């Protein structure tokens, strides 16, 4: 595992990408590392583009990842994933992407076409070392809470052994950052995402 890592979490407003990035950073602090978080927003409402930059290591300073500097991109929405891969992914990056789209207004009213998930995946594969596509929405629905989509993807990330801290430290940070009544379902979500990768689903 690297002792410094740049992770970008992206999606649209309301999906929990900002919370996921703060959980990753808090886990780093628990592990005795430095962490910086920077966010960029599109339209400042539910449904606008959101990208959260998480830089973890012993000597990280600037909060925003440089061009081609992301080691990992966690995408909660496919089109937002490819937009951020083009801008920020290093050629050796790993991308974990949710497969279900959230259509922007332009697509809904017929002014734009949304590419297929296969087209998006193939384009990303040309730019990075590895792409993992998950139906995290379905996993979240099956455990009983769609709002745990972000935690499903954190579990998947933990299974890749790229983080500079343990799965258990990340899970403790999740418990601290979700509403108390949802701790149990978020633990289930984390484990389901973790197992989906380990079992090769």
N, C-alpha and C. Protein backbone atom coordinates (compact mmCIF):
# COMPACT_ATOMS: atom_id res chain seq x y z
N UNK A 1 0.84 -1.20 0.00
CA UNK A 1 0.00 0.00 0.00
C UNK A 1 0.88 1.25 0.00
N UNK A 2 0.47 2.24 -0.77
CA UNK A 2 1.21 3.49 -0.83
C UNK A 2 0.99 4.28 0.45
N UNK A 3 1.98 5.10 0.81
CA UNK A 3 1.76 5.95 1.99
C UNK A 3 1.22 7.32 1.59
N UNK A 4 1.06 7.57 0.29
CA UNK A 4 0.38 8.77 -0.18
C UNK A 4 -0.52 8.37 -1.34
N UNK A 5 -1.74 8.89 -1.33
CA UNK A 5 -2.69 8.50 -2.36
C UNK A 5 -3.66 9.66 -2.62
N UNK A 6 -4.01 9.83 -3.90
CA UNK A 6 -4.97 10.85 -4.31
C UNK A 6 -6.24 10.16 -4.81
N UNK A 7 -7.35 10.46 -4.14
CA UNK A 7 -8.62 9.83 -4.48
C UNK A 7 -9.62 10.92 -4.85
N UNK A 8 -10.33 10.71 -5.95
CA UNK A 8 -11.38 11.64 -6.34
C UNK A 8 -12.72 10.92 -6.29
N UNK A 9 -13.68 11.50 -5.58
CA UNK A 9 -15.02 10.94 -5.47
C UNK A 9 -15.96 11.88 -6.21
N UNK A 10 -16.68 11.37 -7.20
CA UNK A 10 -17.51 12.26 -8.01
C UNK A 10 -18.91 11.69 -8.22
N UNK A 11 -19.82 12.59 -8.53
CA UNK A 11 -21.20 12.20 -8.78
C UNK A 11 -22.03 13.44 -8.98
N UNK A 12 -23.29 13.35 -8.62
CA UNK A 12 -24.16 14.52 -8.69
C UNK A 12 -24.68 14.80 -7.28
N UNK A 13 -25.15 16.04 -7.07
CA UNK A 13 -25.61 16.44 -5.75
C UNK A 13 -26.69 15.52 -5.21
N UNK A 14 -26.59 15.19 -3.93
CA UNK A 14 -27.57 14.32 -3.29
C UNK A 14 -27.17 12.87 -3.23
N UNK A 15 -26.06 12.49 -3.89
CA UNK A 15 -25.64 11.08 -3.88
C UNK A 15 -24.73 10.72 -2.71
N UNK A 16 -24.20 11.72 -2.03
CA UNK A 16 -23.33 11.43 -0.88
C UNK A 16 -21.85 11.39 -1.18
N UNK A 17 -21.43 11.98 -2.30
CA UNK A 17 -20.00 11.93 -2.62
C UNK A 17 -19.18 12.78 -1.66
N UNK A 18 -19.72 13.92 -1.21
CA UNK A 18 -18.99 14.77 -0.27
C UNK A 18 -18.81 14.04 1.06
N UNK A 19 -19.88 13.41 1.54
CA UNK A 19 -19.77 12.67 2.80
C UNK A 19 -18.75 11.54 2.66
N UNK A 20 -18.77 10.84 1.53
CA UNK A 20 -17.81 9.74 1.32
C UNK A 20 -16.38 10.25 1.39
N UNK A 21 -16.12 11.42 0.80
CA UNK A 21 -14.76 11.95 0.80
C UNK A 21 -14.32 12.33 2.22
N UNK A 22 -15.23 12.88 3.01
CA UNK A 22 -14.88 13.24 4.38
C UNK A 22 -14.64 12.00 5.25
N UNK A 23 -15.37 10.92 4.96
CA UNK A 23 -15.13 9.65 5.66
C UNK A 23 -13.74 9.12 5.34
N UNK A 24 -13.36 9.16 4.08
CA UNK A 24 -12.01 8.70 3.69
C UNK A 24 -10.93 9.51 4.40
N UNK A 25 -11.15 10.82 4.49
CA UNK A 25 -10.17 11.69 5.14
C UNK A 25 -10.12 11.45 6.65
N UNK A 26 -11.29 11.29 7.26
CA UNK A 26 -11.30 11.06 8.71
C UNK A 26 -10.61 9.74 9.05
N UNK A 27 -10.81 8.73 8.22
CA UNK A 27 -10.13 7.44 8.45
C UNK A 27 -8.61 7.62 8.39
N UNK A 28 -8.16 8.47 7.47
CA UNK A 28 -6.72 8.73 7.36
C UNK A 28 -6.18 9.35 8.64
N UNK A 29 -6.90 10.33 9.16
CA UNK A 29 -6.48 10.97 10.40
C UNK A 29 -6.44 9.96 11.54
N UNK A 30 -7.44 9.09 11.60
CA UNK A 30 -7.45 8.03 12.62
C UNK A 30 -6.21 7.13 12.51
N UNK A 31 -5.73 6.99 11.28
CA UNK A 31 -4.56 6.12 11.04
C UNK A 31 -3.24 6.86 11.23
N UNK A 32 -3.32 8.15 11.64
CA UNK A 32 -2.11 8.91 11.89
C UNK A 32 -1.51 9.58 10.66
N UNK A 33 -2.30 9.70 9.60
CA UNK A 33 -1.85 10.33 8.38
C UNK A 33 -2.45 11.74 8.25
N UNK A 34 -1.87 12.53 7.36
CA UNK A 34 -2.48 13.81 7.03
C UNK A 34 -3.49 13.61 5.91
N UNK A 35 -4.53 14.43 5.90
CA UNK A 35 -5.52 14.35 4.82
C UNK A 35 -6.01 15.75 4.50
N UNK A 36 -6.15 16.02 3.22
CA UNK A 36 -6.72 17.28 2.75
C UNK A 36 -7.90 16.96 1.85
N UNK A 37 -8.98 17.71 2.00
CA UNK A 37 -10.17 17.52 1.18
C UNK A 37 -10.51 18.83 0.49
N UNK A 38 -10.75 18.77 -0.81
CA UNK A 38 -11.21 19.93 -1.56
C UNK A 38 -12.39 19.52 -2.42
N UNK A 39 -13.34 20.43 -2.56
CA UNK A 39 -14.54 20.10 -3.34
C UNK A 39 -14.75 21.09 -4.48
N UNK A 40 -15.28 20.58 -5.57
CA UNK A 40 -15.71 21.45 -6.67
C UNK A 40 -17.15 21.09 -6.99
N UNK A 41 -17.95 22.11 -7.21
CA UNK A 41 -19.38 21.92 -7.45
C UNK A 41 -19.78 22.54 -8.78
N UNK A 42 -20.73 21.86 -9.45
CA UNK A 42 -21.36 22.46 -10.62
C UNK A 42 -22.53 23.28 -10.11
N UNK A 43 -23.71 23.06 -10.68
CA UNK A 43 -24.90 23.75 -10.18
C UNK A 43 -25.08 23.41 -8.71
N UNK A 44 -25.26 24.46 -7.90
CA UNK A 44 -25.22 24.26 -6.44
C UNK A 44 -26.57 23.79 -5.90
N UNK A 45 -27.04 22.70 -6.45
CA UNK A 45 -28.27 22.12 -5.91
C UNK A 45 -28.26 20.63 -6.18
N UNK A 46 -29.24 19.95 -5.63
CA UNK A 46 -29.37 18.51 -5.87
C UNK A 46 -29.41 18.26 -7.37
N UNK A 47 -28.54 17.40 -7.84
CA UNK A 47 -28.50 17.10 -9.27
C UNK A 47 -27.34 17.73 -10.01
N UNK A 48 -26.65 18.72 -9.38
CA UNK A 48 -25.49 19.34 -10.02
C UNK A 48 -24.24 18.47 -9.83
N UNK A 49 -23.25 18.70 -10.68
CA UNK A 49 -22.02 17.92 -10.63
C UNK A 49 -21.24 18.23 -9.34
N UNK A 50 -20.70 17.18 -8.73
CA UNK A 50 -19.89 17.33 -7.51
C UNK A 50 -18.65 16.47 -7.65
N UNK A 51 -17.50 17.03 -7.34
CA UNK A 51 -16.26 16.25 -7.29
C UNK A 51 -15.52 16.60 -6.01
N UNK A 52 -15.18 15.60 -5.23
CA UNK A 52 -14.45 15.80 -3.97
C UNK A 52 -13.06 15.18 -4.10
N UNK A 53 -12.06 15.99 -3.82
CA UNK A 53 -10.67 15.55 -3.92
C UNK A 53 -10.18 15.19 -2.51
N UNK A 54 -9.61 14.02 -2.37
CA UNK A 54 -9.07 13.57 -1.08
C UNK A 54 -7.60 13.22 -1.28
N UNK A 55 -6.74 13.93 -0.58
CA UNK A 55 -5.31 13.67 -0.68
C UNK A 55 -4.82 13.19 0.69
N UNK A 56 -4.25 11.99 0.71
CA UNK A 56 -3.87 11.35 1.97
C UNK A 56 -2.39 11.00 1.93
N UNK A 57 -1.68 11.34 3.00
CA UNK A 57 -0.27 10.97 3.09
C UNK A 57 0.38 11.70 4.24
N UNK A 58 1.67 11.57 4.36
CA UNK A 58 2.38 12.20 5.46
C UNK A 58 2.70 13.67 5.16
N UNK A 59 2.78 14.02 3.88
CA UNK A 59 3.20 15.38 3.51
C UNK A 59 2.31 16.02 2.46
N UNK A 60 1.00 15.82 2.55
CA UNK A 60 0.11 16.44 1.57
C UNK A 60 -0.26 17.85 2.03
N UNK A 61 -0.30 18.77 1.07
CA UNK A 61 -0.62 20.16 1.41
C UNK A 61 -1.80 20.68 0.59
N UNK A 62 -1.63 20.80 -0.72
CA UNK A 62 -2.71 21.33 -1.56
C UNK A 62 -3.91 20.37 -1.55
N UNK A 63 -5.13 20.91 -1.45
CA UNK A 63 -6.30 20.03 -1.36
C UNK A 63 -6.80 19.50 -2.70
N UNK A 64 -6.45 20.17 -3.81
CA UNK A 64 -6.98 19.76 -5.11
C UNK A 64 -5.94 18.91 -5.85
N UNK A 65 -6.39 17.79 -6.39
CA UNK A 65 -5.53 16.88 -7.14
C UNK A 65 -5.13 17.54 -8.46
N UNK A 66 -3.87 17.40 -8.82
CA UNK A 66 -3.40 17.99 -10.08
C UNK A 66 -3.88 17.18 -11.28
N UNK A 67 -3.81 17.77 -12.45
CA UNK A 67 -4.21 17.08 -13.68
C UNK A 67 -3.42 15.78 -13.81
N UNK A 68 -4.12 14.70 -14.13
CA UNK A 68 -3.52 13.36 -14.28
C UNK A 68 -2.90 12.84 -12.98
N UNK A 69 -3.36 13.37 -11.83
CA UNK A 69 -2.74 12.99 -10.56
C UNK A 69 -3.55 12.04 -9.69
N UNK A 70 -4.77 11.67 -10.12
CA UNK A 70 -5.61 10.81 -9.27
C UNK A 70 -5.20 9.35 -9.39
N UNK A 71 -4.97 8.72 -8.24
CA UNK A 71 -4.67 7.28 -8.20
C UNK A 71 -5.93 6.44 -8.27
N UNK A 72 -7.01 6.97 -7.68
CA UNK A 72 -8.28 6.26 -7.63
C UNK A 72 -9.40 7.26 -7.91
N UNK A 73 -10.37 6.85 -8.72
CA UNK A 73 -11.59 7.64 -8.90
C UNK A 73 -12.78 6.76 -8.55
N UNK A 74 -13.58 7.25 -7.61
CA UNK A 74 -14.80 6.56 -7.20
C UNK A 74 -15.96 7.35 -7.80
N UNK A 75 -16.65 6.75 -8.77
CA UNK A 75 -17.70 7.46 -9.48
C UNK A 75 -19.08 6.96 -9.11
N UNK A 76 -19.91 7.88 -8.61
CA UNK A 76 -21.28 7.52 -8.23
C UNK A 76 -22.25 7.69 -9.39
N UNK A 77 -21.76 8.25 -10.50
CA UNK A 77 -22.61 8.47 -11.68
C UNK A 77 -21.70 8.34 -12.90
N UNK A 78 -22.10 7.56 -13.92
CA UNK A 78 -21.17 7.23 -15.00
C UNK A 78 -20.64 8.42 -15.80
N UNK A 79 -21.51 9.33 -16.22
CA UNK A 79 -21.04 10.45 -17.04
C UNK A 79 -20.11 11.36 -16.25
N UNK A 80 -20.43 11.59 -14.98
CA UNK A 80 -19.54 12.39 -14.13
C UNK A 80 -18.21 11.66 -13.92
N UNK A 81 -18.26 10.33 -13.91
CA UNK A 81 -17.02 9.57 -13.75
C UNK A 81 -16.08 9.82 -14.92
N UNK A 82 -16.60 9.67 -16.14
CA UNK A 82 -15.70 9.85 -17.30
C UNK A 82 -15.22 11.29 -17.41
N UNK A 83 -16.06 12.25 -17.07
CA UNK A 83 -15.61 13.66 -17.11
C UNK A 83 -14.40 13.86 -16.20
N UNK A 84 -14.44 13.26 -15.03
CA UNK A 84 -13.34 13.44 -14.07
C UNK A 84 -12.15 12.56 -14.40
N UNK A 85 -12.38 11.40 -15.01
CA UNK A 85 -11.26 10.57 -15.46
C UNK A 85 -10.44 11.34 -16.50
N UNK A 86 -11.12 11.96 -17.45
CA UNK A 86 -10.43 12.71 -18.50
C UNK A 86 -9.56 13.82 -17.90
N UNK A 87 -10.08 14.49 -16.87
CA UNK A 87 -9.36 15.61 -16.26
C UNK A 87 -8.26 15.17 -15.30
N UNK A 88 -8.55 14.16 -14.47
CA UNK A 88 -7.70 13.93 -13.30
C UNK A 88 -7.01 12.57 -13.20
N UNK A 89 -7.47 11.56 -13.92
CA UNK A 89 -6.92 10.21 -13.70
C UNK A 89 -5.50 10.08 -14.23
N UNK A 90 -4.65 9.44 -13.44
CA UNK A 90 -3.34 9.06 -13.95
C UNK A 90 -3.50 7.82 -14.82
N UNK A 91 -2.55 7.53 -15.71
CA UNK A 91 -2.66 6.33 -16.54
C UNK A 91 -2.69 5.04 -15.72
N UNK A 92 -2.18 5.09 -14.49
CA UNK A 92 -2.17 3.90 -13.62
C UNK A 92 -3.35 3.87 -12.66
N UNK A 93 -4.32 4.74 -12.86
CA UNK A 93 -5.44 4.85 -11.91
C UNK A 93 -6.35 3.63 -11.95
N UNK A 94 -7.02 3.44 -10.82
CA UNK A 94 -8.11 2.47 -10.71
C UNK A 94 -9.41 3.26 -10.61
N UNK A 95 -10.40 2.87 -11.37
CA UNK A 95 -11.70 3.53 -11.35
C UNK A 95 -12.76 2.54 -10.88
N UNK A 96 -13.54 2.94 -9.88
CA UNK A 96 -14.72 2.17 -9.45
C UNK A 96 -15.93 3.01 -9.80
N UNK A 97 -16.83 2.45 -10.59
CA UNK A 97 -17.94 3.25 -11.10
C UNK A 97 -19.29 2.57 -10.91
N UNK A 98 -20.24 3.33 -10.41
CA UNK A 98 -21.64 2.91 -10.38
C UNK A 98 -22.17 2.90 -11.80
N UNK A 99 -22.95 1.87 -12.17
CA UNK A 99 -23.36 1.73 -13.57
C UNK A 99 -24.65 2.46 -13.92
N UNK A 100 -25.44 2.86 -12.92
CA UNK A 100 -26.74 3.46 -13.23
C UNK A 100 -26.63 4.97 -13.41
N UNK A 101 -27.11 5.48 -14.55
CA UNK A 101 -27.00 6.92 -14.80
C UNK A 101 -28.07 7.72 -14.09
N UNK A 102 -27.75 8.98 -13.86
CA UNK A 102 -28.74 9.99 -13.49
C UNK A 102 -28.74 10.99 -14.63
N UNK A 103 -29.82 11.01 -15.40
CA UNK A 103 -29.82 11.81 -16.63
C UNK A 103 -29.91 13.31 -16.33
N UNK A 104 -29.01 14.10 -16.93
CA UNK A 104 -29.11 15.55 -16.77
C UNK A 104 -30.32 16.09 -17.52
N UNK A 105 -30.69 17.31 -17.19
CA UNK A 105 -31.89 17.92 -17.77
C UNK A 105 -31.85 17.93 -19.30
N UNK A 106 -30.66 18.18 -19.87
CA UNK A 106 -30.54 18.25 -21.33
C UNK A 106 -30.96 16.95 -21.99
N UNK A 107 -30.65 15.83 -21.34
CA UNK A 107 -31.03 14.52 -21.87
C UNK A 107 -32.53 14.31 -21.72
N UNK A 108 -33.05 14.68 -20.55
CA UNK A 108 -34.48 14.47 -20.28
C UNK A 108 -35.37 15.24 -21.25
N UNK A 109 -34.91 16.39 -21.73
CA UNK A 109 -35.76 17.17 -22.64
C UNK A 109 -35.35 16.98 -24.11
N UNK A 110 -34.44 16.03 -24.35
CA UNK A 110 -34.12 15.66 -25.72
C UNK A 110 -33.06 16.49 -26.41
N UNK A 111 -32.35 17.35 -25.67
CA UNK A 111 -31.33 18.19 -26.28
C UNK A 111 -29.96 17.51 -26.36
N UNK A 112 -29.80 16.43 -25.63
CA UNK A 112 -28.51 15.73 -25.63
C UNK A 112 -28.76 14.23 -25.50
N UNK A 113 -27.77 13.45 -25.95
CA UNK A 113 -27.86 12.00 -25.84
C UNK A 113 -26.90 11.52 -24.76
N UNK A 114 -27.36 10.60 -23.95
CA UNK A 114 -26.51 10.04 -22.90
C UNK A 114 -25.84 8.78 -23.46
N UNK A 115 -24.51 8.68 -23.42
CA UNK A 115 -23.85 7.48 -23.95
C UNK A 115 -24.21 6.24 -23.14
N UNK A 116 -24.09 5.08 -23.77
CA UNK A 116 -24.38 3.83 -23.05
C UNK A 116 -23.28 3.56 -22.02
N UNK A 117 -23.62 2.74 -21.03
CA UNK A 117 -22.63 2.39 -20.00
C UNK A 117 -21.43 1.66 -20.64
N UNK A 118 -21.70 0.88 -21.69
CA UNK A 118 -20.59 0.19 -22.38
C UNK A 118 -19.67 1.19 -23.06
N UNK A 119 -20.25 2.21 -23.69
CA UNK A 119 -19.43 3.25 -24.35
C UNK A 119 -18.58 3.99 -23.32
N UNK A 120 -19.19 4.31 -22.20
CA UNK A 120 -18.45 5.02 -21.14
C UNK A 120 -17.32 4.14 -20.60
N UNK A 121 -17.65 2.88 -20.33
CA UNK A 121 -16.65 1.96 -19.77
C UNK A 121 -15.48 1.77 -20.73
N UNK A 122 -15.78 1.57 -22.01
CA UNK A 122 -14.72 1.36 -23.00
C UNK A 122 -13.82 2.59 -23.11
N UNK A 123 -14.43 3.78 -23.06
CA UNK A 123 -13.63 5.01 -23.14
C UNK A 123 -12.72 5.15 -21.93
N UNK A 124 -13.23 4.82 -20.75
CA UNK A 124 -12.41 4.91 -19.53
C UNK A 124 -11.28 3.89 -19.57
N UNK A 125 -11.58 2.69 -20.07
CA UNK A 125 -10.55 1.63 -20.12
C UNK A 125 -9.33 2.04 -20.93
N UNK A 126 -9.52 2.93 -21.89
CA UNK A 126 -8.39 3.39 -22.72
C UNK A 126 -7.50 4.38 -21.98
N UNK A 127 -8.01 4.91 -20.87
CA UNK A 127 -7.30 5.99 -20.17
C UNK A 127 -6.64 5.57 -18.87
N UNK A 128 -7.07 4.45 -18.28
CA UNK A 128 -6.58 4.04 -16.96
C UNK A 128 -6.20 2.56 -16.95
N UNK A 129 -5.60 2.15 -15.84
CA UNK A 129 -5.14 0.76 -15.71
C UNK A 129 -6.28 -0.22 -15.50
N UNK A 130 -7.29 0.18 -14.69
CA UNK A 130 -8.34 -0.77 -14.31
C UNK A 130 -9.65 -0.05 -14.08
N UNK A 131 -10.74 -0.64 -14.57
CA UNK A 131 -12.08 -0.10 -14.34
C UNK A 131 -12.94 -1.21 -13.75
N UNK A 132 -13.62 -0.89 -12.66
CA UNK A 132 -14.57 -1.82 -12.04
C UNK A 132 -15.94 -1.18 -12.08
N UNK A 133 -16.91 -1.86 -12.69
CA UNK A 133 -18.27 -1.33 -12.80
C UNK A 133 -19.17 -2.14 -11.88
N UNK A 134 -19.87 -1.43 -10.99
CA UNK A 134 -20.74 -2.08 -10.01
C UNK A 134 -22.17 -1.58 -10.15
N UNK A 135 -23.13 -2.46 -9.87
CA UNK A 135 -24.51 -2.00 -9.72
C UNK A 135 -24.72 -1.74 -8.22
N UNK A 136 -24.07 -0.68 -7.75
CA UNK A 136 -24.13 -0.36 -6.32
C UNK A 136 -25.52 0.08 -5.91
N UNK A 137 -26.27 0.67 -6.86
CA UNK A 137 -27.65 1.06 -6.56
C UNK A 137 -28.47 -0.17 -6.18
N UNK A 138 -28.34 -1.22 -6.95
CA UNK A 138 -29.08 -2.45 -6.67
C UNK A 138 -28.66 -3.06 -5.33
N UNK A 139 -27.37 -3.02 -5.05
CA UNK A 139 -26.87 -3.53 -3.76
C UNK A 139 -27.49 -2.73 -2.62
N UNK A 140 -27.51 -1.39 -2.77
CA UNK A 140 -28.07 -0.53 -1.72
C UNK A 140 -29.57 -0.79 -1.53
N UNK A 141 -30.29 -0.96 -2.64
CA UNK A 141 -31.73 -1.24 -2.55
C UNK A 141 -31.96 -2.58 -1.85
N UNK A 142 -31.15 -3.56 -2.18
CA UNK A 142 -31.32 -4.90 -1.59
C UNK A 142 -31.08 -4.93 -0.09
N UNK A 143 -30.21 -4.05 0.40
CA UNK A 143 -30.01 -4.04 1.85
C UNK A 143 -30.97 -3.08 2.55
N UNK A 144 -31.78 -2.37 1.75
CA UNK A 144 -32.89 -1.63 2.35
C UNK A 144 -32.77 -0.13 2.43
N UNK A 145 -31.71 0.47 1.82
CA UNK A 145 -31.58 1.92 1.91
C UNK A 145 -30.75 2.45 0.74
N UNK A 146 -31.43 3.05 -0.23
CA UNK A 146 -30.75 3.57 -1.43
C UNK A 146 -29.69 4.61 -1.08
N UNK A 147 -29.89 5.33 0.03
CA UNK A 147 -28.94 6.38 0.41
C UNK A 147 -27.58 5.84 0.83
N UNK A 148 -27.45 4.52 0.94
CA UNK A 148 -26.16 3.93 1.30
C UNK A 148 -25.29 3.64 0.07
N UNK A 149 -25.72 4.10 -1.10
CA UNK A 149 -24.93 3.89 -2.33
C UNK A 149 -23.47 4.28 -2.14
N UNK A 150 -23.23 5.44 -1.52
CA UNK A 150 -21.85 5.91 -1.34
C UNK A 150 -21.05 4.97 -0.45
N UNK A 151 -21.69 4.40 0.56
CA UNK A 151 -20.98 3.49 1.47
C UNK A 151 -20.74 2.14 0.81
N UNK A 152 -21.65 1.70 -0.05
CA UNK A 152 -21.40 0.48 -0.85
C UNK A 152 -20.10 0.66 -1.64
N UNK A 153 -19.94 1.82 -2.26
CA UNK A 153 -18.74 2.07 -3.06
C UNK A 153 -17.49 2.21 -2.19
N UNK A 154 -17.63 2.73 -0.98
CA UNK A 154 -16.48 2.76 -0.05
C UNK A 154 -16.06 1.34 0.33
N UNK A 155 -17.04 0.47 0.52
CA UNK A 155 -16.72 -0.93 0.80
C UNK A 155 -15.97 -1.57 -0.35
N UNK A 156 -16.43 -1.27 -1.58
CA UNK A 156 -15.74 -1.79 -2.77
C UNK A 156 -14.31 -1.27 -2.84
N UNK A 157 -14.13 0.01 -2.53
CA UNK A 157 -12.79 0.60 -2.53
C UNK A 157 -11.89 -0.10 -1.49
N UNK A 158 -12.44 -0.35 -0.32
CA UNK A 158 -11.65 -1.00 0.74
C UNK A 158 -11.18 -2.39 0.31
N UNK A 159 -11.94 -3.05 -0.55
CA UNK A 159 -11.59 -4.41 -0.98
C UNK A 159 -10.42 -4.44 -1.96
N UNK A 160 -10.05 -3.28 -2.50
CA UNK A 160 -8.99 -3.24 -3.51
C UNK A 160 -7.59 -3.14 -2.92
N UNK A 161 -7.50 -2.97 -1.61
CA UNK A 161 -6.20 -2.90 -0.92
C UNK A 161 -5.31 -1.77 -1.45
N UNK A 162 -5.92 -0.64 -1.78
CA UNK A 162 -5.12 0.52 -2.23
C UNK A 162 -5.05 1.61 -1.17
N UNK A 163 -5.88 1.52 -0.15
CA UNK A 163 -5.90 2.56 0.89
C UNK A 163 -4.75 2.36 1.87
N UNK A 164 -4.19 3.45 2.41
CA UNK A 164 -3.07 3.33 3.33
C UNK A 164 -3.51 3.09 4.78
N UNK A 165 -4.70 2.50 4.93
CA UNK A 165 -5.19 2.12 6.26
C UNK A 165 -6.13 0.94 6.09
N UNK A 166 -6.51 0.34 7.21
CA UNK A 166 -7.26 -0.91 7.16
C UNK A 166 -8.75 -0.69 6.93
N UNK A 167 -9.40 -1.75 6.51
CA UNK A 167 -10.86 -1.77 6.36
C UNK A 167 -11.54 -1.37 7.67
N UNK A 168 -11.02 -1.85 8.79
CA UNK A 168 -11.65 -1.59 10.09
C UNK A 168 -11.60 -0.10 10.45
N UNK A 169 -10.50 0.57 10.13
CA UNK A 169 -10.40 2.01 10.40
C UNK A 169 -11.42 2.76 9.56
N UNK A 170 -11.57 2.37 8.30
CA UNK A 170 -12.55 3.02 7.43
C UNK A 170 -13.97 2.80 7.96
N UNK A 171 -14.25 1.61 8.42
CA UNK A 171 -15.59 1.31 8.94
C UNK A 171 -15.90 2.12 10.19
N UNK A 172 -14.90 2.32 11.05
CA UNK A 172 -15.10 3.16 12.24
C UNK A 172 -15.44 4.60 11.85
N UNK A 173 -14.76 5.11 10.81
CA UNK A 173 -15.03 6.47 10.33
C UNK A 173 -16.45 6.57 9.76
N UNK A 174 -16.90 5.52 9.10
CA UNK A 174 -18.28 5.51 8.58
C UNK A 174 -19.27 5.60 9.74
N UNK A 175 -19.05 4.80 10.76
CA UNK A 175 -19.98 4.80 11.91
C UNK A 175 -20.07 6.18 12.55
N UNK A 176 -18.96 6.92 12.55
CA UNK A 176 -18.93 8.26 13.15
C UNK A 176 -19.62 9.31 12.29
N UNK A 177 -19.78 9.02 11.00
CA UNK A 177 -20.23 10.05 10.06
C UNK A 177 -21.60 9.81 9.45
N UNK A 178 -22.32 8.81 9.93
CA UNK A 178 -23.69 8.60 9.46
C UNK A 178 -24.64 8.78 10.64
N UNK A 179 -25.91 9.09 10.39
CA UNK A 179 -26.86 9.22 11.50
C UNK A 179 -26.91 7.94 12.33
N UNK A 180 -26.97 8.06 13.65
CA UNK A 180 -26.93 6.88 14.52
C UNK A 180 -27.93 5.78 14.14
N UNK A 181 -29.12 6.19 13.71
CA UNK A 181 -30.14 5.20 13.37
C UNK A 181 -29.79 4.40 12.12
N UNK A 182 -28.83 4.90 11.35
CA UNK A 182 -28.49 4.21 10.09
C UNK A 182 -27.17 3.45 10.16
N UNK A 183 -26.57 3.39 11.34
CA UNK A 183 -25.26 2.73 11.45
C UNK A 183 -25.33 1.28 10.97
N UNK A 184 -26.35 0.56 11.42
CA UNK A 184 -26.45 -0.87 11.09
C UNK A 184 -26.57 -1.09 9.58
N UNK A 185 -27.45 -0.30 8.92
CA UNK A 185 -27.63 -0.49 7.48
C UNK A 185 -26.38 -0.05 6.71
N UNK A 186 -25.67 0.95 7.23
CA UNK A 186 -24.43 1.37 6.57
C UNK A 186 -23.33 0.32 6.72
N UNK A 187 -23.28 -0.37 7.83
CA UNK A 187 -22.32 -1.48 7.99
C UNK A 187 -22.64 -2.57 6.96
N UNK A 188 -23.93 -2.87 6.81
CA UNK A 188 -24.34 -3.86 5.81
C UNK A 188 -23.94 -3.42 4.41
N UNK A 189 -24.14 -2.12 4.12
CA UNK A 189 -23.79 -1.57 2.80
C UNK A 189 -22.30 -1.69 2.54
N UNK A 190 -21.50 -1.34 3.54
CA UNK A 190 -20.04 -1.43 3.41
C UNK A 190 -19.61 -2.87 3.13
N UNK A 191 -20.13 -3.80 3.92
CA UNK A 191 -19.76 -5.20 3.75
C UNK A 191 -20.23 -5.75 2.41
N UNK A 192 -21.40 -5.30 1.96
CA UNK A 192 -21.91 -5.77 0.67
C UNK A 192 -21.02 -5.29 -0.48
N UNK A 193 -20.57 -4.03 -0.42
CA UNK A 193 -19.67 -3.52 -1.44
C UNK A 193 -18.33 -4.23 -1.40
N UNK A 194 -17.82 -4.45 -0.21
CA UNK A 194 -16.55 -5.16 -0.02
C UNK A 194 -16.64 -6.56 -0.61
N UNK A 195 -17.71 -7.26 -0.27
CA UNK A 195 -17.86 -8.65 -0.73
C UNK A 195 -18.10 -8.73 -2.24
N UNK A 196 -18.76 -7.72 -2.81
CA UNK A 196 -19.01 -7.72 -4.25
C UNK A 196 -17.68 -7.74 -5.03
N UNK A 197 -16.68 -7.03 -4.50
CA UNK A 197 -15.36 -7.03 -5.15
C UNK A 197 -14.63 -8.33 -4.85
N UNK A 198 -14.62 -8.74 -3.61
CA UNK A 198 -13.87 -9.95 -3.23
C UNK A 198 -14.43 -11.19 -3.92
N UNK A 199 -15.73 -11.19 -4.17
CA UNK A 199 -16.36 -12.35 -4.81
C UNK A 199 -16.41 -12.21 -6.33
N UNK A 200 -15.90 -11.07 -6.81
CA UNK A 200 -15.81 -10.87 -8.25
C UNK A 200 -17.12 -10.65 -8.96
N UNK A 201 -18.09 -10.07 -8.24
CA UNK A 201 -19.39 -9.82 -8.88
C UNK A 201 -19.30 -8.65 -9.84
